C-alpha atoms as a PDB file:
ATOM      1  CA  UNK A   1     -63.531  36.214 -49.176  1.00  0.00           C
ATOM      2  CA  UNK A   2     -60.750  33.818 -47.315  1.00  0.00           C
ATOM      3  CA  UNK A   3     -58.064  35.324 -45.557  1.00  0.00           C
ATOM      4  CA  UNK A   4     -55.414  33.425 -43.839  1.00  0.00           C
ATOM      5  CA  UNK A   5     -52.451  33.670 -41.859  1.00  0.00           C
ATOM      6  CA  UNK A   6     -48.998  31.883 -42.106  1.00  0.00           C
ATOM      7  CA  UNK A   7     -45.364  32.280 -40.749  1.00  0.00           C
ATOM      8  CA  UNK A   8     -42.949  31.188 -43.567  1.00  0.00           C
ATOM      9  CA  UNK A   9     -39.870  31.330 -41.307  1.00  0.00           C
ATOM     10  CA  UNK A  10     -38.432  32.064 -44.823  1.00  0.00           C
ATOM     11  CA  UNK A  11     -38.597  30.866 -48.559  1.00  0.00           C
ATOM     12  CA  UNK A  12     -35.470  30.313 -49.557  1.00  0.00           C
ATOM     13  CA  UNK A  13     -32.360  31.966 -47.212  1.00  0.00           C
ATOM     14  CA  UNK A  14     -32.805  32.060 -43.218  1.00  0.00           C
ATOM     15  CA  UNK A  15     -30.028  33.180 -41.025  1.00  0.00           C
ATOM     16  CA  UNK A  16     -28.093  30.421 -40.335  1.00  0.00           C
ATOM     17  CA  UNK A  17     -28.023  30.448 -36.280  1.00  0.00           C
ATOM     18  CA  UNK A  18     -31.982  30.035 -36.051  1.00  0.00           C
ATOM     19  CA  UNK A  19     -31.617  26.362 -37.404  1.00  0.00           C
ATOM     20  CA  UNK A  20     -29.608  26.054 -34.049  1.00  0.00           C
ATOM     21  CA  UNK A  21     -30.837  25.256 -30.841  1.00  0.00           C
ATOM     22  CA  UNK A  22     -31.928  28.105 -28.833  1.00  0.00           C
ATOM     23  CA  UNK A  23     -28.682  27.950 -26.862  1.00  0.00           C
ATOM     24  CA  UNK A  24     -26.377  28.475 -29.195  1.00  0.00           C
ATOM     25  CA  UNK A  25     -28.720  30.652 -31.334  1.00  0.00           C
ATOM     26  CA  UNK A  26     -29.413  33.172 -28.355  1.00  0.00           C
ATOM     27  CA  UNK A  27     -25.605  33.479 -27.954  1.00  0.00           C
ATOM     28  CA  UNK A  28     -24.619  34.266 -31.736  1.00  0.00           C
ATOM     29  CA  UNK A  29     -28.035  36.561 -31.523  1.00  0.00           C
ATOM     30  CA  UNK A  30     -26.224  38.178 -28.581  1.00  0.00           C
ATOM     31  CA  UNK A  31     -23.162  38.379 -29.935  1.00  0.00           C
ATOM     32  CA  UNK A  32     -24.057  40.233 -32.919  1.00  0.00           C
ATOM     33  CA  UNK A  33     -26.312  42.171 -31.849  1.00  0.00           C
ATOM     34  CA  UNK A  34     -23.035  43.343 -29.358  1.00  0.00           C
ATOM     35  CA  UNK A  35     -20.938  44.028 -31.811  1.00  0.00           C
ATOM     36  CA  UNK A  36     -23.028  45.761 -34.312  1.00  0.00           C
ATOM     37  CA  UNK A  37     -23.763  48.496 -31.241  1.00  0.00           C
ATOM     38  CA  UNK A  38     -20.563  48.946 -31.010  1.00  0.00           C
ATOM     39  CA  UNK A  39     -18.732  49.371 -34.506  1.00  0.00           C
ATOM     40  CA  UNK A  40     -21.959  52.704 -34.476  1.00  0.00           C
ATOM     41  CA  UNK A  41     -20.506  53.978 -32.032  1.00  0.00           C
ATOM     42  CA  UNK A  42     -18.707  57.677 -32.822  1.00  0.00           C
ATOM     43  CA  UNK A  43     -15.857  57.060 -30.462  1.00  0.00           C
ATOM     44  CA  UNK A  44     -14.450  53.282 -30.008  1.00  0.00           C
ATOM     45  CA  UNK A  45     -13.285  52.839 -25.682  1.00  0.00           C
ATOM     46  CA  UNK A  46     -10.713  50.554 -24.634  1.00  0.00           C
ATOM     47  CA  UNK A  47     -13.582  48.447 -22.721  1.00  0.00           C
ATOM     48  CA  UNK A  48     -15.698  48.585 -26.797  1.00  0.00           C
ATOM     49  CA  UNK A  49     -12.414  47.634 -28.834  1.00  0.00           C
ATOM     50  CA  UNK A  50     -11.861  45.154 -25.196  1.00  0.00           C
ATOM     51  CA  UNK A  51     -15.448  43.150 -26.220  1.00  0.00           C
ATOM     52  CA  UNK A  52     -15.034  43.394 -29.548  1.00  0.00           C
ATOM     53  CA  UNK A  53     -11.960  41.198 -29.926  1.00  0.00           C
ATOM     54  CA  UNK A  54     -13.452  38.762 -27.009  1.00  0.00           C
ATOM     55  CA  UNK A  55     -16.398  37.883 -29.259  1.00  0.00           C
ATOM     56  CA  UNK A  56     -14.242  37.576 -31.906  1.00  0.00           C
ATOM     57  CA  UNK A  57     -11.305  35.430 -30.190  1.00  0.00           C
ATOM     58  CA  UNK A  58     -14.006  33.325 -28.350  1.00  0.00           C
ATOM     59  CA  UNK A  59     -13.587  30.068 -30.541  1.00  0.00           C
ATOM     60  CA  UNK A  60     -17.081  30.597 -31.628  1.00  0.00           C
ATOM     61  CA  UNK A  61     -16.748  32.609 -34.333  1.00  0.00           C
ATOM     62  CA  UNK A  62     -13.636  30.239 -35.834  1.00  0.00           C
ATOM     63  CA  UNK A  63     -14.123  32.642 -39.582  1.00  0.00           C
ATOM     64  CA  UNK A  64     -13.601  35.956 -38.303  1.00  0.00           C
ATOM     65  CA  UNK A  65     -11.500  34.480 -36.181  1.00  0.00           C
ATOM     66  CA  UNK A  66      -8.699  33.031 -38.263  1.00  0.00           C
ATOM     67  CA  UNK A  67      -9.174  36.877 -40.584  1.00  0.00           C
ATOM     68  CA  UNK A  68     -11.375  35.626 -43.507  1.00  0.00           C
ATOM     69  CA  UNK A  69     -14.343  37.506 -42.135  1.00  0.00           C
ATOM     70  CA  UNK A  70     -16.936  34.319 -43.029  1.00  0.00           C
ATOM     71  CA  UNK A  71     -18.098  32.389 -40.435  1.00  0.00           C
ATOM     72  CA  UNK A  72     -20.975  30.342 -40.713  1.00  0.00           C
ATOM     73  CA  UNK A  73     -22.867  32.538 -38.315  1.00  0.00           C
ATOM     74  CA  UNK A  74     -21.370  35.794 -38.753  1.00  0.00           C
ATOM     75  CA  UNK A  75     -19.463  37.586 -41.211  1.00  0.00           C
ATOM     76  CA  UNK A  76     -17.630  40.872 -41.409  1.00  0.00           C
ATOM     77  CA  UNK A  77     -17.641  42.765 -44.154  1.00  0.00           C
ATOM     78  CA  UNK A  78     -14.801  46.089 -44.713  1.00  0.00           C
ATOM     79  CA  UNK A  79     -15.031  48.284 -47.872  1.00  0.00           C
ATOM     80  CA  UNK A  80     -12.750  51.275 -46.511  1.00  0.00           C
ATOM     81  CA  UNK A  81      -9.990  50.031 -44.231  1.00  0.00           C
ATOM     82  CA  UNK A  82      -9.861  46.846 -41.552  1.00  0.00           C
ATOM     83  CA  UNK A  83     -11.723  46.909 -38.530  1.00  0.00           C
ATOM     84  CA  UNK A  84      -9.831  43.982 -37.431  1.00  0.00           C
ATOM     85  CA  UNK A  85      -5.784  42.631 -37.860  1.00  0.00           C
ATOM     86  CA  UNK A  86      -5.657  38.776 -37.242  1.00  0.00           C
ATOM     87  CA  UNK A  87      -1.672  37.496 -36.530  1.00  0.00           C
ATOM     88  CA  UNK A  88       0.355  34.946 -34.379  1.00  0.00           C
ATOM     89  CA  UNK A  89      -0.456  36.658 -31.471  1.00  0.00           C
ATOM     90  CA  UNK A  90      -3.906  37.058 -32.082  1.00  0.00           C
ATOM     91  CA  UNK A  91      -7.303  39.197 -33.019  1.00  0.00           C
ATOM     92  CA  UNK A  92      -6.203  42.997 -32.460  1.00  0.00           C
ATOM     93  CA  UNK A  93      -7.927  46.423 -33.549  1.00  0.00           C
ATOM     94  CA  UNK A  94      -6.809  48.596 -36.496  1.00  0.00           C
ATOM     95  CA  UNK A  95      -4.690  51.295 -34.294  1.00  0.00           C
ATOM     96  CA  UNK A  96      -5.986  53.829 -37.168  1.00  0.00           C
ATOM     97  CA  UNK A  97      -9.864  53.031 -36.605  1.00  0.00           C
ATOM     98  CA  UNK A  98     -10.966  54.787 -32.968  1.00  0.00           C
ATOM     99  CA  UNK A  99     -15.021  55.470 -34.247  1.00  0.00           C
ATOM    100  CA  UNK A 100     -17.599  54.933 -36.457  1.00  0.00           C
ATOM    101  CA  UNK A 101     -16.051  57.881 -39.378  1.00  0.00           C
ATOM    102  CA  UNK A 102     -12.126  56.114 -39.069  1.00  0.00           C
ATOM    103  CA  UNK A 103     -13.528  52.847 -41.733  1.00  0.00           C
ATOM    104  CA  UNK A 104     -16.556  51.326 -43.420  1.00  0.00           C
ATOM    105  CA  UNK A 105     -17.875  48.005 -42.853  1.00  0.00           C
ATOM    106  CA  UNK A 106     -20.352  46.100 -40.684  1.00  0.00           C
ATOM    107  CA  UNK A 107     -21.268  42.985 -39.389  1.00  0.00           C
ATOM    108  CA  UNK A 108     -24.321  40.736 -40.851  1.00  0.00           C
ATOM    109  CA  UNK A 109     -25.515  37.546 -40.140  1.00  0.00           C
ATOM    110  CA  UNK A 110     -24.656  34.498 -42.320  1.00  0.00           C
ATOM    111  CA  UNK A 111     -27.689  32.859 -44.476  1.00  0.00           C
ATOM    112  CA  UNK A 112     -28.527  29.419 -45.598  1.00  0.00           C
ATOM    113  CA  UNK A 113     -30.407  28.107 -48.125  1.00  0.00           C
ATOM    114  CA  UNK A 114     -33.372  26.664 -47.308  1.00  0.00           C
ATOM    115  CA  UNK A 115     -34.321  22.635 -48.332  1.00  0.00           C
ATOM    116  CA  UNK A 116     -36.295  22.271 -51.585  1.00  0.00           C
ATOM    117  CA  UNK A 117     -38.155  20.122 -49.754  1.00  0.00           C
ATOM    118  CA  UNK A 118     -39.406  22.475 -47.449  1.00  0.00           C
ATOM    119  CA  UNK A 119     -40.276  25.357 -49.997  1.00  0.00           C
ATOM    120  CA  UNK A 120     -41.981  22.692 -52.164  1.00  0.00           C
ATOM    121  CA  UNK A 121     -43.972  21.645 -48.718  1.00  0.00           C
ATOM    122  CA  UNK A 122     -44.732  25.338 -48.160  1.00  0.00           C
ATOM    123  CA  UNK A 123     -46.638  26.165 -51.093  1.00  0.00           C
ATOM    124  CA  UNK A 124     -48.210  22.867 -51.167  1.00  0.00           C
ATOM    125  CA  UNK A 125     -49.342  24.044 -47.328  1.00  0.00           C
ATOM    126  CA  UNK A 126     -50.988  27.082 -49.028  1.00  0.00           C
ATOM    127  CA  UNK A 127     -52.412  26.035 -51.894  1.00  0.00           C
ATOM    128  CA  UNK A 128     -54.588  23.805 -49.488  1.00  0.00           C
ATOM    129  CA  UNK A 129     -55.831  26.499 -48.242  1.00  0.00           C
ATOM    130  CA  UNK A 130     -57.288  27.678 -51.217  1.00  0.00           C
ATOM    131  CA  UNK A 131     -56.948  31.351 -49.360  1.00  0.00           C
ATOM    132  CA  UNK A 132     -57.999  34.373 -51.571  1.00  0.00           C
ATOM    133  CA  UNK A 133     -55.787  37.261 -48.462  1.00  0.00           C
ATOM    134  CA  UNK A 134     -52.725  35.450 -47.882  1.00  0.00           C
ATOM    135  CA  UNK A 135     -50.437  37.273 -44.555  1.00  0.00           C
ATOM    136  CA  UNK A 136     -47.224  36.115 -44.135  1.00  0.00           C
ATOM    137  CA  UNK A 137     -44.907  36.509 -41.534  1.00  0.00           C
ATOM    138  CA  UNK A 138     -41.452  35.737 -41.807  1.00  0.00           C
ATOM    139  CA  UNK A 139     -40.557  36.005 -45.862  1.00  0.00           C
ATOM    140  CA  UNK A 140     -37.000  37.616 -46.625  1.00  0.00           C
ATOM    141  CA  UNK A 141     -38.273  40.242 -48.993  1.00  0.00           C
ATOM    142  CA  UNK A 142     -41.263  40.808 -51.377  1.00  0.00           C
ATOM    143  CA  UNK A 143     -38.262  39.517 -54.458  1.00  0.00           C
ATOM    144  CA  UNK A 144     -38.387  36.469 -52.994  1.00  0.00           C
ATOM    145  CA  UNK A 145     -41.979  35.989 -51.979  1.00  0.00           C
ATOM    146  CA  UNK A 146     -42.474  36.909 -56.291  1.00  0.00           C
ATOM    147  CA  UNK A 147     -40.406  34.058 -57.383  1.00  0.00           C
ATOM    148  CA  UNK A 148     -41.610  32.379 -54.674  1.00  0.00           C
ATOM    149  CA  UNK A 149     -45.092  32.874 -55.498  1.00  0.00           C
ATOM    150  CA  UNK A 150     -44.280  32.478 -59.881  1.00  0.00           C
ATOM    151  CA  UNK A 151     -41.781  29.507 -59.493  1.00  0.00           C
ATOM    152  CA  UNK A 152     -42.844  27.745 -56.760  1.00  0.00           C
ATOM    153  CA  UNK A 153     -46.278  27.574 -56.261  1.00  0.00           C
ATOM    154  CA  UNK A 154     -47.933  26.920 -59.908  1.00  0.00           C
ATOM    155  CA  UNK A 155     -44.576  23.743 -59.592  1.00  0.00           C
ATOM    156  CA  UNK A 156     -47.131  21.492 -56.688  1.00  0.00           C
ATOM    157  CA  UNK A 157     -50.622  22.430 -58.678  1.00  0.00           C
ATOM    158  CA  UNK A 158     -50.805  25.952 -56.768  1.00  0.00           C
ATOM    159  CA  UNK A 159     -52.659  29.107 -58.266  1.00  0.00           C
ATOM    160  CA  UNK A 160     -50.040  32.004 -58.386  1.00  0.00           C
ATOM    161  CA  UNK A 161     -51.211  35.248 -56.523  1.00  0.00           C
ATOM    162  CA  UNK A 162     -52.025  38.222 -58.613  1.00  0.00           C
ATOM    163  CA  UNK A 163     -50.356  40.775 -55.918  1.00  0.00           C
ATOM    164  CA  UNK A 164     -47.703  40.776 -53.212  1.00  0.00           C
ATOM    165  CA  UNK A 165     -45.878  43.475 -50.660  1.00  0.00           C
ATOM    166  CA  UNK A 166     -42.926  43.706 -48.532  1.00  0.00           C
ATOM    167  CA  UNK A 167     -42.077  46.332 -46.681  1.00  0.00           C
ATOM    168  CA  UNK A 168     -38.636  46.179 -44.543  1.00  0.00           C
ATOM    169  CA  UNK A 169     -38.726  46.323 -40.919  1.00  0.00           C
ATOM    170  CA  UNK A 170     -36.529  46.748 -38.180  1.00  0.00           C
ATOM    171  CA  UNK A 171     -35.630  43.265 -37.758  1.00  0.00           C
ATOM    172  CA  UNK A 172     -31.683  42.598 -39.480  1.00  0.00           C
ATOM    173  CA  UNK A 173     -32.628  39.042 -39.746  1.00  0.00           C
ATOM    174  CA  UNK A 174     -34.543  39.654 -42.613  1.00  0.00           C
ATOM    175  CA  UNK A 175     -38.251  38.009 -41.433  1.00  0.00           C
ATOM    176  CA  UNK A 176     -40.218  40.518 -42.457  1.00  0.00           C
ATOM    177  CA  UNK A 177     -44.460  41.015 -42.577  1.00  0.00           C
ATOM    178  CA  UNK A 178     -45.968  40.567 -46.250  1.00  0.00           C
ATOM    179  CA  UNK A 179     -49.528  40.218 -47.550  1.00  0.00           C
ATOM    180  CA  UNK A 180     -50.492  38.843 -50.779  1.00  0.00           C
ATOM    181  CA  UNK A 181     -54.063  38.199 -53.057  1.00  0.00           C
ATOM    182  CA  UNK A 182     -55.378  36.505 -55.257  1.00  0.00           C
ATOM    183  CA  UNK A 183     -56.877  38.201 -58.867  1.00  0.00           C
ATOM    184  CA  UNK A 184     -59.690  40.844 -57.748  1.00  0.00           C
ATOM    185  CA  UNK A 185     -58.430  41.111 -54.513  1.00  0.00           C
ATOM    186  CA  UNK A 186     -56.670  44.334 -54.805  1.00  0.00           C
ATOM    187  CA  UNK A 187     -53.687  45.960 -52.689  1.00  0.00           C
ATOM    188  CA  UNK A 188     -55.400  49.357 -52.615  1.00  0.00           C
ATOM    189  CA  UNK A 189     -53.336  50.833 -49.270  1.00  0.00           C
ATOM    190  CA  UNK A 190     -50.000  51.176 -47.839  1.00  0.00           C
ATOM    191  CA  UNK A 191     -48.321  52.109 -44.674  1.00  0.00           C
ATOM    192  CA  UNK A 192     -45.655  51.364 -42.177  1.00  0.00           C
ATOM    193  CA  UNK A 193     -45.327  51.736 -38.643  1.00  0.00           C
ATOM    194  CA  UNK A 194     -41.366  51.222 -38.241  1.00  0.00           C
ATOM    195  CA  UNK A 195     -40.175  54.272 -37.443  1.00  0.00           C
ATOM    196  CA  UNK A 196     -43.736  54.369 -34.836  1.00  0.00           C
ATOM    197  CA  UNK A 197     -41.180  55.080 -30.971  1.00  0.00           C
ATOM    198  CA  UNK A 198     -41.883  55.858 -27.128  1.00  0.00           C
ATOM    199  CA  UNK A 199     -39.527  57.751 -25.256  1.00  0.00           C
ATOM    200  CA  UNK A 200     -36.881  57.673 -28.162  1.00  0.00           C
ATOM    201  CA  UNK A 201     -37.084  53.650 -28.552  1.00  0.00           C
ATOM    202  CA  UNK A 202     -38.680  52.045 -31.427  1.00  0.00           C
ATOM    203  CA  UNK A 203     -42.046  50.228 -30.871  1.00  0.00           C
ATOM    204  CA  UNK A 204     -42.350  47.084 -32.917  1.00  0.00           C
ATOM    205  CA  UNK A 205     -39.449  44.934 -33.953  1.00  0.00           C
ATOM    206  CA  UNK A 206     -40.581  44.221 -37.293  1.00  0.00           C
ATOM    207  CA  UNK A 207     -43.338  45.916 -38.257  1.00  0.00           C
ATOM    208  CA  UNK A 208     -46.867  46.711 -37.490  1.00  0.00           C
ATOM    209  CA  UNK A 209     -48.035  46.836 -42.044  1.00  0.00           C
ATOM    210  CA  UNK A 210     -51.305  48.146 -42.903  1.00  0.00           C
ATOM    211  CA  UNK A 211     -53.035  46.987 -46.068  1.00  0.00           C
ATOM    212  CA  UNK A 212     -56.426  47.911 -47.595  1.00  0.00           C
ATOM    213  CA  UNK A 213     -57.346  45.162 -49.903  1.00  0.00           C
ATOM    214  CA  UNK A 214     -60.690  46.166 -51.838  1.00  0.00           C
ATOM    215  CA  UNK A 215     -62.892  42.955 -52.339  1.00  0.00           C
ATOM    216  CA  UNK A 216     -64.284  42.077 -55.796  1.00  0.00           C
ATOM    217  CA  UNK A 217     -67.742  43.089 -53.725  1.00  0.00           C
ATOM    218  CA  UNK A 218     -66.112  46.201 -53.785  1.00  0.00           C
ATOM    219  CA  UNK A 219     -65.611  46.433 -49.863  1.00  0.00           C
ATOM    220  CA  UNK A 220     -62.667  46.839 -48.152  1.00  0.00           C
ATOM    221  CA  UNK A 221     -61.049  45.136 -45.395  1.00  0.00           C
ATOM    222  CA  UNK A 222     -58.001  47.007 -43.385  1.00  0.00           C
ATOM    223  CA  UNK A 223     -55.581  44.400 -42.619  1.00  0.00           C
ATOM    224  CA  UNK A 224     -52.914  44.673 -39.682  1.00  0.00           C
ATOM    225  CA  UNK A 225     -50.026  42.149 -40.612  1.00  0.00           C
ATOM    226  CA  UNK A 226     -47.828  41.617 -37.201  1.00  0.00           C
ATOM    227  CA  UNK A 227     -44.953  39.655 -35.499  1.00  0.00           C
ATOM    228  CA  UNK A 228     -44.414  40.624 -32.021  1.00  0.00           C
ATOM    229  CA  UNK A 229     -41.533  40.182 -29.507  1.00  0.00           C
ATOM    230  CA  UNK A 230     -40.678  36.489 -28.941  1.00  0.00           C
ATOM    231  CA  UNK A 231     -40.222  34.566 -25.973  1.00  0.00           C
ATOM    232  CA  UNK A 232     -37.270  33.470 -26.172  1.00  0.00           C
ATOM    233  CA  UNK A 233     -34.948  34.578 -23.080  1.00  0.00           C
ATOM    234  CA  UNK A 234     -31.515  33.495 -21.288  1.00  0.00           C
ATOM    235  CA  UNK A 235     -33.510  34.062 -17.971  1.00  0.00           C
ATOM    236  CA  UNK A 236     -35.746  35.804 -16.315  1.00  0.00           C
ATOM    237  CA  UNK A 237     -34.532  39.636 -16.536  1.00  0.00           C
ATOM    238  CA  UNK A 238     -34.950  38.783 -20.690  1.00  0.00           C
ATOM    239  CA  UNK A 239     -38.500  37.468 -20.180  1.00  0.00           C
ATOM    240  CA  UNK A 240     -39.196  40.644 -18.448  1.00  0.00           C
ATOM    241  CA  UNK A 241     -38.032  42.056 -20.997  1.00  0.00           C
ATOM    242  CA  UNK A 242     -39.218  40.891 -23.649  1.00  0.00           C
ATOM    243  CA  UNK A 243     -42.691  41.213 -21.849  1.00  0.00           C
ATOM    244  CA  UNK A 244     -42.922  45.099 -21.932  1.00  0.00           C
ATOM    245  CA  UNK A 245     -42.248  44.689 -25.098  1.00  0.00           C
ATOM    246  CA  UNK A 246     -44.572  42.700 -26.744  1.00  0.00           C
ATOM    247  CA  UNK A 247     -47.138  44.504 -24.804  1.00  0.00           C
ATOM    248  CA  UNK A 248     -45.744  47.769 -25.781  1.00  0.00           C
ATOM    249  CA  UNK A 249     -46.078  46.421 -29.491  1.00  0.00           C
ATOM    250  CA  UNK A 250     -49.650  45.588 -28.471  1.00  0.00           C
ATOM    251  CA  UNK A 251     -50.399  48.979 -26.915  1.00  0.00           C
ATOM    252  CA  UNK A 252     -49.669  50.067 -29.956  1.00  0.00           C
ATOM    253  CA  UNK A 253     -51.623  47.893 -32.383  1.00  0.00           C
ATOM    254  CA  UNK A 254     -54.591  48.976 -30.199  1.00  0.00           C
ATOM    255  CA  UNK A 255     -54.184  52.474 -30.360  1.00  0.00           C
ATOM    256  CA  UNK A 256     -53.923  52.187 -34.518  1.00  0.00           C
ATOM    257  CA  UNK A 257     -56.888  49.785 -34.137  1.00  0.00           C
ATOM    258  CA  UNK A 258     -59.246  52.441 -32.152  1.00  0.00           C
ATOM    259  CA  UNK A 259     -57.461  55.726 -34.597  1.00  0.00           C
ATOM    260  CA  UNK A 260     -58.890  53.937 -37.769  1.00  0.00           C
ATOM    261  CA  UNK A 261     -62.833  52.581 -36.382  1.00  0.00           C
ATOM    262  CA  UNK A 262     -62.144  56.391 -35.615  1.00  0.00           C
ATOM    263  CA  UNK A 263     -61.669  57.384 -38.885  1.00  0.00           C
ATOM    264  CA  UNK A 264     -65.073  55.394 -39.652  1.00  0.00           C
ATOM    265  CA  UNK A 265     -62.549  51.814 -41.040  1.00  0.00           C
ATOM    266  CA  UNK A 266     -65.164  48.779 -39.649  1.00  0.00           C
ATOM    267  CA  UNK A 267     -64.152  46.041 -41.477  1.00  0.00           C
ATOM    268  CA  UNK A 268     -59.916  44.981 -39.851  1.00  0.00           C
ATOM    269  CA  UNK A 269     -59.071  42.204 -39.057  1.00  0.00           C
ATOM    270  CA  UNK A 270     -54.849  42.388 -37.094  1.00  0.00           C
ATOM    271  CA  UNK A 271     -53.253  39.097 -37.989  1.00  0.00           C
ATOM    272  CA  UNK A 272     -49.965  37.176 -37.595  1.00  0.00           C
ATOM    273  CA  UNK A 273     -47.782  35.810 -35.416  1.00  0.00           C
ATOM    274  CA  UNK A 274     -47.989  37.313 -31.456  1.00  0.00           C
ATOM    275  CA  UNK A 275     -45.662  35.318 -30.248  1.00  0.00           C
ATOM    276  CA  UNK A 276     -47.709  34.107 -26.870  1.00  0.00           C
ATOM    277  CA  UNK A 277     -51.108  32.510 -25.745  1.00  0.00           C
ATOM    278  CA  UNK A 278     -53.977  34.680 -25.394  1.00  0.00           C
ATOM    279  CA  UNK A 279     -53.954  34.395 -21.367  1.00  0.00           C
ATOM    280  CA  UNK A 280     -51.065  35.938 -20.948  1.00  0.00           C
ATOM    281  CA  UNK A 281     -50.812  40.314 -19.414  1.00  0.00           C
ATOM    282  CA  UNK A 282     -48.775  41.028 -22.418  1.00  0.00           C
ATOM    283  CA  UNK A 283     -51.134  40.605 -25.469  1.00  0.00           C
ATOM    284  CA  UNK A 284     -54.614  42.187 -22.765  1.00  0.00           C
ATOM    285  CA  UNK A 285     -54.060  45.922 -24.588  1.00  0.00           C
ATOM    286  CA  UNK A 286     -55.553  43.534 -27.398  1.00  0.00           C
ATOM    287  CA  UNK A 287     -57.542  41.245 -25.944  1.00  0.00           C
ATOM    288  CA  UNK A 288     -58.515  42.619 -22.781  1.00  0.00           C
ATOM    289  CA  UNK A 289     -59.542  46.236 -21.239  1.00  0.00           C
ATOM    290  CA  UNK A 290     -62.758  46.636 -23.096  1.00  0.00           C
ATOM    291  CA  UNK A 291     -61.646  44.892 -26.593  1.00  0.00           C
ATOM    292  CA  UNK A 292     -64.076  44.733 -29.099  1.00  0.00           C
ATOM    293  CA  UNK A 293     -62.074  42.361 -31.172  1.00  0.00           C
ATOM    294  CA  UNK A 294     -62.806  38.759 -31.032  1.00  0.00           C
ATOM    295  CA  UNK A 295     -59.789  35.734 -31.889  1.00  0.00           C
ATOM    296  CA  UNK A 296     -60.900  33.986 -34.363  1.00  0.00           C
ATOM    297  CA  UNK A 297     -60.344  31.261 -32.480  1.00  0.00           C
ATOM    298  CA  UNK A 298     -63.575  32.050 -30.041  1.00  0.00           C
ATOM    299  CA  UNK A 299     -66.222  32.815 -33.286  1.00  0.00           C
ATOM    300  CA  UNK A 300     -68.751  30.629 -33.053  1.00  0.00           C
ATOM    301  CA  UNK A 301     -67.715  29.380 -36.932  1.00  0.00           C
ATOM    302  CA  UNK A 302     -64.525  28.121 -35.995  1.00  0.00           C
ATOM    303  CA  UNK A 303     -64.202  24.716 -36.456  1.00  0.00           C
ATOM    304  CA  UNK A 304     -61.266  22.318 -35.531  1.00  0.00           C
ATOM    305  CA  UNK A 305     -61.294  18.473 -35.473  1.00  0.00           C
ATOM    306  CA  UNK A 306     -58.755  18.435 -32.685  1.00  0.00           C
ATOM    307  CA  UNK A 307     -60.672  20.858 -30.260  1.00  0.00           C
ATOM    308  CA  UNK A 308     -57.679  22.371 -29.332  1.00  0.00           C
ATOM    309  CA  UNK A 309     -56.045  25.906 -30.262  1.00  0.00           C
ATOM    310  CA  UNK A 310     -52.510  24.912 -31.002  1.00  0.00           C
ATOM    311  CA  UNK A 311     -50.996  25.911 -33.574  1.00  0.00           C
ATOM    312  CA  UNK A 312     -47.128  25.152 -33.045  1.00  0.00           C
ATOM    313  CA  UNK A 313     -46.819  22.161 -30.145  1.00  0.00           C
ATOM    314  CA  UNK A 314     -49.053  19.372 -31.181  1.00  0.00           C
ATOM    315  CA  UNK A 315     -51.278  18.226 -29.333  1.00  0.00           C
ATOM    316  CA  UNK A 316     -50.886  20.753 -26.189  1.00  0.00           C
ATOM    317  CA  UNK A 317     -53.964  23.587 -25.875  1.00  0.00           C
ATOM    318  CA  UNK A 318     -52.503  26.745 -25.477  1.00  0.00           C
ATOM    319  CA  UNK A 319     -49.456  26.453 -27.212  1.00  0.00           C
ATOM    320  CA  UNK A 320     -50.685  29.065 -29.606  1.00  0.00           C
ATOM    321  CA  UNK A 321     -48.840  31.596 -31.497  1.00  0.00           C
ATOM    322  CA  UNK A 322     -51.227  32.747 -34.657  1.00  0.00           C
ATOM    323  CA  UNK A 323     -54.151  35.020 -34.333  1.00  0.00           C
ATOM    324  CA  UNK A 324     -56.600  36.695 -37.079  1.00  0.00           C
ATOM    325  CA  UNK A 325     -58.504  38.713 -34.775  1.00  0.00           C
ATOM    326  CA  UNK A 326     -61.644  40.602 -35.681  1.00  0.00           C
ATOM    327  CA  UNK A 327     -63.347  44.116 -35.266  1.00  0.00           C
ATOM    328  CA  UNK A 328     -67.115  43.797 -35.095  1.00  0.00           C
ATOM    329  CA  UNK A 329     -68.734  43.903 -38.419  1.00  0.00           C
ATOM    330  CA  UNK A 330     -66.476  41.710 -39.438  1.00  0.00           C
ATOM    331  CA  UNK A 331     -67.033  39.024 -36.883  1.00  0.00           C
ATOM    332  CA  UNK A 332     -70.764  38.841 -38.605  1.00  0.00           C
ATOM    333  CA  UNK A 333     -69.347  37.668 -41.847  1.00  0.00           C
ATOM    334  CA  UNK A 334     -67.869  34.887 -40.570  1.00  0.00           C
ATOM    335  CA  UNK A 335     -69.650  32.008 -42.504  1.00  0.00           C
ATOM    336  CA  UNK A 336     -66.940  29.380 -41.151  1.00  0.00           C
ATOM    337  CA  UNK A 337     -63.327  29.286 -39.620  1.00  0.00           C
ATOM    338  CA  UNK A 338     -60.117  26.559 -38.943  1.00  0.00           C
ATOM    339  CA  UNK A 339     -56.720  25.867 -39.224  1.00  0.00           C
ATOM    340  CA  UNK A 340     -54.871  23.798 -41.606  1.00  0.00           C
ATOM    341  CA  UNK A 341     -52.267  21.729 -39.915  1.00  0.00           C
ATOM    342  CA  UNK A 342     -50.854  20.093 -43.045  1.00  0.00           C
ATOM    343  CA  UNK A 343     -46.741  20.869 -42.867  1.00  0.00           C
ATOM    344  CA  UNK A 344     -46.645  21.447 -38.645  1.00  0.00           C
ATOM    345  CA  UNK A 345     -43.473  19.715 -37.213  1.00  0.00           C
ATOM    346  CA  UNK A 346     -44.200  16.529 -35.013  1.00  0.00           C
END
């Protein structure tokens, strides 16, 4: 069996702000979450209304400020009553609206179409790996994955996957984790951890999806597909918070792993984009603290022509976000391993 993991950065449609500079992306995402959280309140204070007006009036979202509710980054849907009024005097909140129950509507992130060449090249890279079990990060939904599998992969001469699965995670941007498997590699069970919480706060930014796959030889392997909290931050305080959230995710994944081991499951792989290099403190619950998990890049059968561990910044050792971690029994079965770098930017 050949197992692989790939961050797709979406297949067909991706939030437009994610194609901008880091500074712009962080600003848009911060505004979006402020707007989304504010409109969910039972009662809107005068300060809440002022914050909404300030964001809409800022000039960063001309499509909202113009009253068309259709900006290239953030859109507003109003189904029952209107939240905003725009006239010569500027932006105002509807006087009839004082809380969530007074209207029906929401803010959305505008999705931009991914270029055709990029979609086809993604299929070419997947085809070149020849994998039996493909773990996926940043896929918008199962329908998109099916269309990609049925229509795009065959167009570049690739072999379609027999089974696909994506579970909607906790991220509003449509960057979920999923799996595709070839014929004879049945997905026999699925579990999600989107609702796992710690002191009332959801643990996973997206999900830790559990997929059990049965091999043609009759063995079963449990695969935990993850996408941890990113490093993106505007200041040291946000960076510290991101590290805290990522460490909490790693801690919970370790707990799940140990629970499955106690249940007698021996073949376990933890895969995906863990969003920071192996030496970082936030990953120590998985890679330190007495863990018996092994990063595939540390396995004696791992070979790399560059003799470097980078996966996203060309030629820079340690620029590693992507992982396949193996339980002891799974480590014993490894015949060879490596990185497919065709299509890596730069």
